[in-house]
């Protein structure tokens, strides 16, 4: 499987379409401590952020040491990331 990555970063709330196809969210990498949260949804459009598509929240905290986490979650439709606060993380997917 080939993997790609998407950097989710910024200082304001926003919605990003990471991919609009079936995929696996392989993991995340948080390189620096921030105050925001990223909510993930299994959806092919940025309008698909209903509770039935909700996957979970990721806090953008890592202390003074970068953190990576293996997730391996299968998504049927795609991946949408909704940010709140200041964030900077990589989503690794394939």
PDB file of N, CA and C in Angstrom:
ATOM      1  N   UNK A   1       0.836  -1.170   0.000  1.00  0.00           N
ATOM      2  CA  UNK A   1       0.000   0.000   0.000  1.00  0.00           C
ATOM      3  C   UNK A   1       0.887   1.241   0.000  1.00  0.00           C
ATOM      4  N   UNK A   2       0.544   2.210  -0.823  1.00  0.00           N
ATOM      5  CA  UNK A   2       1.248   3.482  -0.825  1.00  0.00           C
ATOM      6  C   UNK A   2       0.553   4.438   0.143  1.00  0.00           C
ATOM      7  N   UNK A   3       1.350   5.204   0.856  1.00  0.00           N
ATOM      8  CA  UNK A   3       0.805   6.125   1.841  1.00  0.00           C
ATOM      9  C   UNK A   3       1.031   7.570   1.410  1.00  0.00           C
ATOM     10  N   UNK A   4       0.117   8.408   1.823  1.00  0.00           N
ATOM     11  CA  UNK A   4       0.241   9.843   1.643  1.00  0.00           C
ATOM     12  C   UNK A   4       0.094  10.490   2.999  1.00  0.00           C
ATOM     13  N   UNK A   5       0.298  11.767   3.044  1.00  0.00           N
ATOM     14  CA  UNK A   5       0.093  12.476   4.303  1.00  0.00           C
ATOM     15  C   UNK A   5      -0.508  13.841   4.015  1.00  0.00           C
ATOM     16  N   UNK A   6      -1.214  14.350   4.993  1.00  0.00           N
ATOM     17  CA  UNK A   6      -1.797  15.682   4.918  1.00  0.00           C
ATOM     18  C   UNK A   6      -1.471  16.407   6.208  1.00  0.00           C
ATOM     19  N   UNK A   7      -0.916  17.601   6.070  1.00  0.00           N
ATOM     20  CA  UNK A   7      -0.621  18.416   7.248  1.00  0.00           C
ATOM     21  C   UNK A   7      -1.844  19.263   7.570  1.00  0.00           C
ATOM     22  N   UNK A   8      -2.304  19.166   8.800  1.00  0.00           N
ATOM     23  CA  UNK A   8      -3.427  19.963   9.283  1.00  0.00           C
ATOM     24  C   UNK A   8      -2.842  20.979  10.251  1.00  0.00           C
ATOM     25  N   UNK A   9      -2.829  22.241   9.836  1.00  0.00           N
ATOM     26  CA  UNK A   9      -2.239  23.263  10.700  1.00  0.00           C
ATOM     27  C   UNK A   9      -2.946  24.598  10.502  1.00  0.00           C
ATOM     28  N   UNK A  10      -2.851  25.427  11.502  1.00  0.00           N
ATOM     29  CA  UNK A  10      -3.444  26.753  11.429  1.00  0.00           C
ATOM     30  C   UNK A  10      -3.830  27.260  12.796  1.00  0.00           C
ATOM     31  N   UNK A  11      -4.343  28.478  12.802  1.00  0.00           N
ATOM     32  CA  UNK A  11      -4.699  29.111  14.071  1.00  0.00           C
ATOM     33  C   UNK A  11      -6.195  29.401  14.175  1.00  0.00           C
ATOM     34  N   UNK A  12      -6.961  28.951  13.205  1.00  0.00           N
ATOM     35  CA  UNK A  12      -8.402  29.231  13.215  1.00  0.00           C
ATOM     36  C   UNK A  12      -9.181  27.955  12.930  1.00  0.00           C
ATOM     37  N   UNK A  13     -10.456  27.982  13.265  1.00  0.00           N
ATOM     38  CA  UNK A  13     -11.327  26.845  12.978  1.00  0.00           C
ATOM     39  C   UNK A  13     -11.482  26.690  11.471  1.00  0.00           C
ATOM     40  N   UNK A  14     -11.577  25.446  11.019  1.00  0.00           N
ATOM     41  CA  UNK A  14     -11.747  25.199   9.597  1.00  0.00           C
ATOM     42  C   UNK A  14     -12.057  23.750   9.327  1.00  0.00           C
ATOM     43  N   UNK A  15     -12.465  23.464   8.083  1.00  0.00           N
ATOM     44  CA  UNK A  15     -12.793  22.113   7.663  1.00  0.00           C
ATOM     45  C   UNK A  15     -11.978  21.777   6.428  1.00  0.00           C
ATOM     46  N   UNK A  16     -11.310  20.603   6.439  1.00  0.00           N
ATOM     47  CA  UNK A  16     -10.466  20.177   5.326  1.00  0.00           C
ATOM     48  C   UNK A  16     -10.887  18.807   4.841  1.00  0.00           C
ATOM     49  N   UNK A  17     -11.027  18.659   3.531  1.00  0.00           N
ATOM     50  CA  UNK A  17     -11.245  17.351   2.923  1.00  0.00           C
ATOM     51  C   UNK A  17      -9.868  16.748   2.683  1.00  0.00           C
ATOM     52  N   UNK A  18      -9.525  15.712   3.433  1.00  0.00           N
ATOM     53  CA  UNK A  18      -8.224  15.062   3.299  1.00  0.00           C
ATOM     54  C   UNK A  18      -8.231  14.176   2.059  1.00  0.00           C
ATOM     55  N   UNK A  19      -9.252  13.341   1.907  1.00  0.00           N
ATOM     56  CA  UNK A  19      -9.426  12.523   0.710  1.00  0.00           C
ATOM     57  C   UNK A  19     -10.897  12.156   0.566  1.00  0.00           C
ATOM     58  N   UNK A  20     -11.343  11.966  -0.668  1.00  0.00           N
ATOM     59  CA  UNK A  20     -12.754  11.661  -0.932  1.00  0.00           C
ATOM     60  C   UNK A  20     -12.954  10.224  -1.403  1.00  0.00           C
ATOM     61  N   UNK A  21     -12.126   9.308  -0.914  1.00  0.00           N
ATOM     62  CA  UNK A  21     -12.244   7.898  -1.296  1.00  0.00           C
ATOM     63  C   UNK A  21     -12.025   7.003  -0.083  1.00  0.00           C
ATOM     64  N   UNK A  22     -12.394   5.753  -0.251  1.00  0.00           N
ATOM     65  CA  UNK A  22     -12.165   4.759   0.786  1.00  0.00           C
ATOM     66  C   UNK A  22     -10.664   4.678   1.074  1.00  0.00           C
ATOM     67  N   UNK A  23     -10.302   4.632   2.347  1.00  0.00           N
ATOM     68  CA  UNK A  23      -8.889   4.625   2.698  1.00  0.00           C
ATOM     69  C   UNK A  23      -8.676   4.122   4.113  1.00  0.00           C
ATOM     70  N   UNK A  24      -7.411   4.022   4.506  1.00  0.00           N
ATOM     71  CA  UNK A  24      -7.032   3.648   5.866  1.00  0.00           C
ATOM     72  C   UNK A  24      -6.274   4.822   6.473  1.00  0.00           C
ATOM     73  N   UNK A  25      -6.730   5.283   7.627  1.00  0.00           N
ATOM     74  CA  UNK A  25      -5.979   6.275   8.379  1.00  0.00           C
ATOM     75  C   UNK A  25      -4.920   5.493   9.149  1.00  0.00           C
ATOM     76  N   UNK A  26      -3.686   5.527   8.657  1.00  0.00           N
ATOM     77  CA  UNK A  26      -2.616   4.699   9.207  1.00  0.00           C
ATOM     78  C   UNK A  26      -2.101   5.224  10.539  1.00  0.00           C
ATOM     79  N   UNK A  27      -2.002   6.555  10.670  1.00  0.00           N
ATOM     80  CA  UNK A  27      -1.481   7.096  11.914  1.00  0.00           C
ATOM     81  C   UNK A  27      -1.471   8.612  11.914  1.00  0.00           C
ATOM     82  N   UNK A  28      -0.972   9.156  13.014  1.00  0.00           N
ATOM     83  CA  UNK A  28      -0.830  10.609  13.156  1.00  0.00           C
ATOM     84  C   UNK A  28       0.549  10.907  13.718  1.00  0.00           C
ATOM     85  N   UNK A  29       1.021  12.109  13.451  1.00  0.00           N
ATOM     86  CA  UNK A  29       2.279  12.578  14.025  1.00  0.00           C
ATOM     87  C   UNK A  29       2.066  14.010  14.505  1.00  0.00           C
ATOM     88  N   UNK A  30       2.374  14.246  15.760  1.00  0.00           N
ATOM     89  CA  UNK A  30       2.272  15.579  16.347  1.00  0.00           C
ATOM     90  C   UNK A  30       3.682  16.020  16.702  1.00  0.00           C
ATOM     91  N   UNK A  31       4.167  17.041  15.989  1.00  0.00           N
ATOM     92  CA  UNK A  31       5.550  17.462  16.149  1.00  0.00           C
ATOM     93  C   UNK A  31       5.773  18.552  17.178  1.00  0.00           C
ATOM     94  N   UNK A  32       4.732  19.314  17.485  1.00  0.00           N
ATOM     95  CA  UNK A  32       4.890  20.375  18.476  1.00  0.00           C
ATOM     96  C   UNK A  32       3.590  20.603  19.223  1.00  0.00           C
ATOM     97  N   UNK A  33       3.733  21.025  20.444  1.00  0.00           N
ATOM     98  CA  UNK A  33       2.591  21.212  21.327  1.00  0.00           C
ATOM     99  C   UNK A  33       1.767  22.430  20.902  1.00  0.00           C
ATOM    100  N   UNK A  34       0.476  22.250  20.701  1.00  0.00           N
ATOM    101  CA  UNK A  34      -0.458  23.326  20.362  1.00  0.00           C
ATOM    102  C   UNK A  34      -1.683  23.179  21.258  1.00  0.00           C
ATOM    103  N   UNK A  35      -2.630  24.080  21.121  1.00  0.00           N
ATOM    104  CA  UNK A  35      -3.782  24.074  22.020  1.00  0.00           C
ATOM    105  C   UNK A  35      -5.061  23.558  21.386  1.00  0.00           C
ATOM    106  N   UNK A  36      -5.044  23.197  20.121  1.00  0.00           N
ATOM    107  CA  UNK A  36      -6.269  22.865  19.403  1.00  0.00           C
ATOM    108  C   UNK A  36      -6.620  21.392  19.383  1.00  0.00           C
ATOM    109  N   UNK A  37      -7.727  21.121  18.723  1.00  0.00           N
ATOM    110  CA  UNK A  37      -8.264  19.773  18.560  1.00  0.00           C
ATOM    111  C   UNK A  37      -8.629  19.569  17.091  1.00  0.00           C
ATOM    112  N   UNK A  38      -8.435  18.351  16.595  1.00  0.00           N
ATOM    113  CA  UNK A  38      -8.876  17.981  15.254  1.00  0.00           C
ATOM    114  C   UNK A  38      -9.911  16.871  15.401  1.00  0.00           C
ATOM    115  N   UNK A  39     -11.089  17.093  14.837  1.00  0.00           N
ATOM    116  CA  UNK A  39     -12.147  16.080  14.821  1.00  0.00           C
ATOM    117  C   UNK A  39     -12.140  15.417  13.455  1.00  0.00           C
ATOM    118  N   UNK A  40     -12.214  14.083  13.439  1.00  0.00           N
ATOM    119  CA  UNK A  40     -12.156  13.327  12.192  1.00  0.00           C
ATOM    120  C   UNK A  40     -13.511  12.707  11.864  1.00  0.00           C
ATOM    121  N   UNK A  41     -13.858  12.741  10.575  1.00  0.00           N
ATOM    122  CA  UNK A  41     -15.142  12.228  10.088  1.00  0.00           C
ATOM    123  C   UNK A  41     -14.926  11.343   8.873  1.00  0.00           C
ATOM    124  N   UNK A  42     -15.696  10.260   8.770  1.00  0.00           N
ATOM    125  CA  UNK A  42     -15.697   9.364   7.612  1.00  0.00           C
ATOM    126  C   UNK A  42     -16.685   9.933   6.604  1.00  0.00           C
ATOM    127  N   UNK A  43     -16.194  10.778   5.689  1.00  0.00           N
ATOM    128  CA  UNK A  43     -17.064  11.456   4.739  1.00  0.00           C
ATOM    129  C   UNK A  43     -16.280  11.822   3.482  1.00  0.00           C
ATOM    130  N   UNK A  44     -16.975  11.871   2.348  1.00  0.00           N
ATOM    131  CA  UNK A  44     -16.360  12.255   1.077  1.00  0.00           C
ATOM    132  C   UNK A  44     -16.536  13.738   0.767  1.00  0.00           C
ATOM    133  N   UNK A  45     -17.248  14.473   1.629  1.00  0.00           N
ATOM    134  CA  UNK A  45     -17.458  15.906   1.412  1.00  0.00           C
ATOM    135  C   UNK A  45     -17.283  16.656   2.732  1.00  0.00           C
ATOM    136  N   UNK A  46     -16.958  17.939   2.638  1.00  0.00           N
ATOM    137  CA  UNK A  46     -16.779  18.728   3.856  1.00  0.00           C
ATOM    138  C   UNK A  46     -18.102  18.960   4.575  1.00  0.00           C
ATOM    139  N   UNK A  47     -19.228  18.710   3.906  1.00  0.00           N
ATOM    140  CA  UNK A  47     -20.531  18.846   4.544  1.00  0.00           C
ATOM    141  C   UNK A  47     -20.938  17.619   5.340  1.00  0.00           C
ATOM    142  N   UNK A  48     -20.139  16.561   5.299  1.00  0.00           N
ATOM    143  CA  UNK A  48     -20.490  15.308   5.956  1.00  0.00           C
ATOM    144  C   UNK A  48     -19.993  15.188   7.377  1.00  0.00           C
ATOM    145  N   UNK A  49     -20.229  16.206   8.185  1.00  0.00           N
ATOM    146  CA  UNK A  49     -19.714  16.194   9.557  1.00  0.00           C
ATOM    147  C   UNK A  49     -20.815  15.919  10.581  1.00  0.00           C
ATOM    148  N   UNK A  50     -21.749  15.063  10.239  1.00  0.00           N
ATOM    149  CA  UNK A  50     -22.808  14.698  11.184  1.00  0.00           C
ATOM    150  C   UNK A  50     -22.270  13.695  12.202  1.00  0.00           C
ATOM    151  N   UNK A  51     -22.993  13.511  13.269  1.00  0.00           N
ATOM    152  CA  UNK A  51     -22.552  12.597  14.327  1.00  0.00           C
ATOM    153  C   UNK A  51     -22.448  11.153  13.838  1.00  0.00           C
ATOM    154  N   UNK A  52     -23.218  10.779  12.820  1.00  0.00           N
ATOM    155  CA  UNK A  52     -23.143   9.407  12.306  1.00  0.00           C
ATOM    156  C   UNK A  52     -21.826   9.142  11.570  1.00  0.00           C
ATOM    157  N   UNK A  53     -21.109  10.179  11.160  1.00  0.00           N
ATOM    158  CA  UNK A  53     -19.821  10.031  10.471  1.00  0.00           C
ATOM    159  C   UNK A  53     -18.623  10.286  11.381  1.00  0.00           C
ATOM    160  N   UNK A  54     -18.872  10.640  12.642  1.00  0.00           N
ATOM    161  CA  UNK A  54     -17.806  11.031  13.575  1.00  0.00           C
ATOM    162  C   UNK A  54     -16.908   9.849  13.914  1.00  0.00           C
ATOM    163  N   UNK A  55     -15.582  10.059  13.797  1.00  0.00           N
ATOM    164  CA  UNK A  55     -14.602   9.026  14.130  1.00  0.00           C
ATOM    165  C   UNK A  55     -13.966   9.265  15.507  1.00  0.00           C
ATOM    166  N   UNK A  56     -13.649  10.538  15.804  1.00  0.00           N
ATOM    167  CA  UNK A  56     -13.022  10.846  17.082  1.00  0.00           C
ATOM    168  C   UNK A  56     -12.298  12.175  17.047  1.00  0.00           C
ATOM    169  N   UNK A  57     -11.872  12.613  18.229  1.00  0.00           N
ATOM    170  CA  UNK A  57     -11.115  13.856  18.389  1.00  0.00           C
ATOM    171  C   UNK A  57      -9.657  13.536  18.707  1.00  0.00           C
ATOM    172  N   UNK A  58      -8.757  14.368  18.183  1.00  0.00           N
ATOM    173  CA  UNK A  58      -7.335  14.253  18.497  1.00  0.00           C
ATOM    174  C   UNK A  58      -6.882  15.583  19.083  1.00  0.00           C
ATOM    175  N   UNK A  59      -6.403  15.555  20.314  1.00  0.00           N
ATOM    176  CA  UNK A  59      -5.845  16.746  20.948  1.00  0.00           C
ATOM    177  C   UNK A  59      -4.443  16.989  20.395  1.00  0.00           C
ATOM    178  N   UNK A  60      -4.122  18.215  20.058  1.00  0.00           N
ATOM    179  CA  UNK A  60      -2.801  18.541  19.515  1.00  0.00           C
ATOM    180  C   UNK A  60      -1.825  18.861  20.650  1.00  0.00           C
ATOM    181  N   UNK A  61      -1.569  17.859  21.493  1.00  0.00           N
ATOM    182  CA  UNK A  61      -0.638  18.039  22.606  1.00  0.00           C
ATOM    183  C   UNK A  61       0.413  16.938  22.575  1.00  0.00           C
ATOM    184  N   UNK A  62       1.643  17.298  22.870  1.00  0.00           N
ATOM    185  CA  UNK A  62       2.713  16.300  22.906  1.00  0.00           C
ATOM    186  C   UNK A  62       3.774  16.633  23.939  1.00  0.00           C
ATOM    187  N   UNK A  63       3.578  17.686  24.730  1.00  0.00           N
ATOM    188  CA  UNK A  63       4.621  18.079  25.676  1.00  0.00           C
ATOM    189  C   UNK A  63       5.839  18.574  24.922  1.00  0.00           C
ATOM    190  N   UNK A  64       7.024  18.211  25.370  1.00  0.00           N
ATOM    191  CA  UNK A  64       8.244  18.679  24.717  1.00  0.00           C
ATOM    192  C   UNK A  64       8.832  17.659  23.747  1.00  0.00           C
ATOM    193  N   UNK A  65       8.185  16.502  23.599  1.00  0.00           N
ATOM    194  CA  UNK A  65       8.691  15.443  22.732  1.00  0.00           C
ATOM    195  C   UNK A  65       7.651  15.131  21.645  1.00  0.00           C
ATOM    196  N   UNK A  66       8.063  15.104  20.358  1.00  0.00           N
ATOM    197  CA  UNK A  66       7.111  14.747  19.290  1.00  0.00           C
ATOM    198  C   UNK A  66       6.499  13.369  19.527  1.00  0.00           C
ATOM    199  N   UNK A  67       5.244  13.203  19.105  1.00  0.00           N
ATOM    200  CA  UNK A  67       4.511  11.965  19.354  1.00  0.00           C
ATOM    201  C   UNK A  67       3.924  11.439  18.049  1.00  0.00           C
ATOM    202  N   UNK A  68       4.026  10.142  17.849  1.00  0.00           N
ATOM    203  CA  UNK A  68       3.373   9.477  16.732  1.00  0.00           C
ATOM    204  C   UNK A  68       2.492   8.368  17.261  1.00  0.00           C
ATOM    205  N   UNK A  69       1.419   8.090  16.549  1.00  0.00           N
ATOM    206  CA  UNK A  69       0.515   7.027  16.978  1.00  0.00           C
ATOM    207  C   UNK A  69      -0.004   6.274  15.766  1.00  0.00           C
ATOM    208  N   UNK A  70       0.058   4.963  15.834  1.00  0.00           N
ATOM    209  CA  UNK A  70      -0.488   4.111  14.785  1.00  0.00           C
ATOM    210  C   UNK A  70      -1.984   3.956  15.035  1.00  0.00           C
ATOM    211  N   UNK A  71      -2.802   4.143  13.994  1.00  0.00           N
ATOM    212  CA  UNK A  71      -4.247   4.075  14.165  1.00  0.00           C
ATOM    213  C   UNK A  71      -4.862   2.917  13.377  1.00  0.00           C
ATOM    214  N   UNK A  72      -4.556   2.816  12.086  1.00  0.00           N
ATOM    215  CA  UNK A  72      -5.074   1.761  11.199  1.00  0.00           C
ATOM    216  C   UNK A  72      -6.600   1.650  11.231  1.00  0.00           C
ATOM    217  N   UNK A  73      -7.276   2.760  11.023  1.00  0.00           N
ATOM    218  CA  UNK A  73      -8.740   2.784  10.963  1.00  0.00           C
ATOM    219  C   UNK A  73      -9.190   2.827   9.513  1.00  0.00           C
ATOM    220  N   UNK A  74     -10.090   1.921   9.131  1.00  0.00           N
ATOM    221  CA  UNK A  74     -10.638   1.902   7.769  1.00  0.00           C
ATOM    222  C   UNK A  74     -11.800   2.881   7.656  1.00  0.00           C
ATOM    223  N   UNK A  75     -11.763   3.705   6.635  1.00  0.00           N
ATOM    224  CA  UNK A  75     -12.832   4.657   6.375  1.00  0.00           C
ATOM    225  C   UNK A  75     -13.461   4.304   5.029  1.00  0.00           C
ATOM    226  N   UNK A  76     -14.780   4.254   4.981  1.00  0.00           N
ATOM    227  CA  UNK A  76     -15.484   3.820   3.774  1.00  0.00           C
ATOM    228  C   UNK A  76     -15.631   4.916   2.736  1.00  0.00           C
ATOM    229  N   UNK A  77     -15.793   6.162   3.173  1.00  0.00           N
ATOM    230  CA  UNK A  77     -16.152   7.237   2.248  1.00  0.00           C
ATOM    231  C   UNK A  77     -15.011   8.190   1.948  1.00  0.00           C
ATOM    232  N   UNK A  78     -14.202   8.503   2.923  1.00  0.00           N
ATOM    233  CA  UNK A  78     -13.136   9.489   2.801  1.00  0.00           C
ATOM    234  C   UNK A  78     -12.792  10.006   4.178  1.00  0.00           C
ATOM    235  N   UNK A  79     -12.061  11.107   4.237  1.00  0.00           N
ATOM    236  CA  UNK A  79     -11.654  11.659   5.525  1.00  0.00           C
ATOM    237  C   UNK A  79     -11.775  13.167   5.509  1.00  0.00           C
ATOM    238  N   UNK A  80     -12.507  13.688   6.490  1.00  0.00           N
ATOM    239  CA  UNK A  80     -12.660  15.126   6.692  1.00  0.00           C
ATOM    240  C   UNK A  80     -12.108  15.456   8.076  1.00  0.00           C
ATOM    241  N   UNK A  81     -11.294  16.521   8.141  1.00  0.00           N
ATOM    242  CA  UNK A  81     -10.727  16.984   9.403  1.00  0.00           C
ATOM    243  C   UNK A  81     -11.281  18.367   9.719  1.00  0.00           C
ATOM    244  N   UNK A  82     -11.829  18.517  10.920  1.00  0.00           N
ATOM    245  CA  UNK A  82     -12.367  19.802  11.368  1.00  0.00           C
ATOM    246  C   UNK A  82     -11.485  20.284  12.518  1.00  0.00           C
ATOM    247  N   UNK A  83     -10.890  21.466  12.352  1.00  0.00           N
ATOM    248  CA  UNK A  83      -9.981  21.982  13.368  1.00  0.00           C
ATOM    249  C   UNK A  83     -10.652  23.008  14.259  1.00  0.00           C
ATOM    250  N   UNK A  84     -10.214  23.035  15.485  1.00  0.00           N
ATOM    251  CA  UNK A  84     -10.645  24.042  16.449  1.00  0.00           C
ATOM    252  C   UNK A  84      -9.430  24.483  17.243  1.00  0.00           C
ATOM    253  N   UNK A  85      -9.114  25.745  17.223  1.00  0.00           N
ATOM    254  CA  UNK A  85      -7.930  26.246  17.919  1.00  0.00           C
ATOM    255  C   UNK A  85      -6.691  26.114  17.051  1.00  0.00           C
ATOM    256  N   UNK A  86      -5.529  26.215  17.674  1.00  0.00           N
ATOM    257  CA  UNK A  86      -4.249  26.155  16.965  1.00  0.00           C
ATOM    258  C   UNK A  86      -3.803  24.706  16.857  1.00  0.00           C
ATOM    259  N   UNK A  87      -3.558  24.244  15.618  1.00  0.00           N
ATOM    260  CA  UNK A  87      -3.182  22.851  15.381  1.00  0.00           C
ATOM    261  C   UNK A  87      -1.985  22.758  14.440  1.00  0.00           C
ATOM    262  N   UNK A  88      -1.282  21.658  14.538  1.00  0.00           N
ATOM    263  CA  UNK A  88      -0.199  21.327  13.606  1.00  0.00           C
ATOM    264  C   UNK A  88       0.103  19.840  13.768  1.00  0.00           C
ATOM    265  N   UNK A  89      -0.427  19.028  12.853  1.00  0.00           N
ATOM    266  CA  UNK A  89      -0.201  17.584  12.896  1.00  0.00           C
ATOM    267  C   UNK A  89      -0.225  17.011  11.495  1.00  0.00           C
ATOM    268  N   UNK A  90       0.328  15.824  11.347  1.00  0.00           N
ATOM    269  CA  UNK A  90       0.285  15.093  10.082  1.00  0.00           C
ATOM    270  C   UNK A  90      -0.666  13.922  10.224  1.00  0.00           C
ATOM    271  N   UNK A  91      -1.537  13.744   9.254  1.00  0.00           N
ATOM    272  CA  UNK A  91      -2.379  12.548   9.158  1.00  0.00           C
ATOM    273  C   UNK A  91      -1.775  11.687   8.069  1.00  0.00           C
ATOM    274  N   UNK A  92      -1.427  10.441   8.372  1.00  0.00           N
ATOM    275  CA  UNK A  92      -0.824   9.517   7.418  1.00  0.00           C
ATOM    276  C   UNK A  92      -1.899   8.546   6.976  1.00  0.00           C
ATOM    277  N   UNK A  93      -2.118   8.445   5.657  1.00  0.00           N
ATOM    278  CA  UNK A  93      -3.228   7.655   5.135  1.00  0.00           C
ATOM    279  C   UNK A  93      -2.826   6.966   3.835  1.00  0.00           C
ATOM    280  N   UNK A  94      -3.582   5.942   3.492  1.00  0.00           N
ATOM    281  CA  UNK A  94      -3.315   5.224   2.242  1.00  0.00           C
ATOM    282  C   UNK A  94      -4.513   4.458   1.779  1.00  0.00           C
TER     283      UNK A  94
END
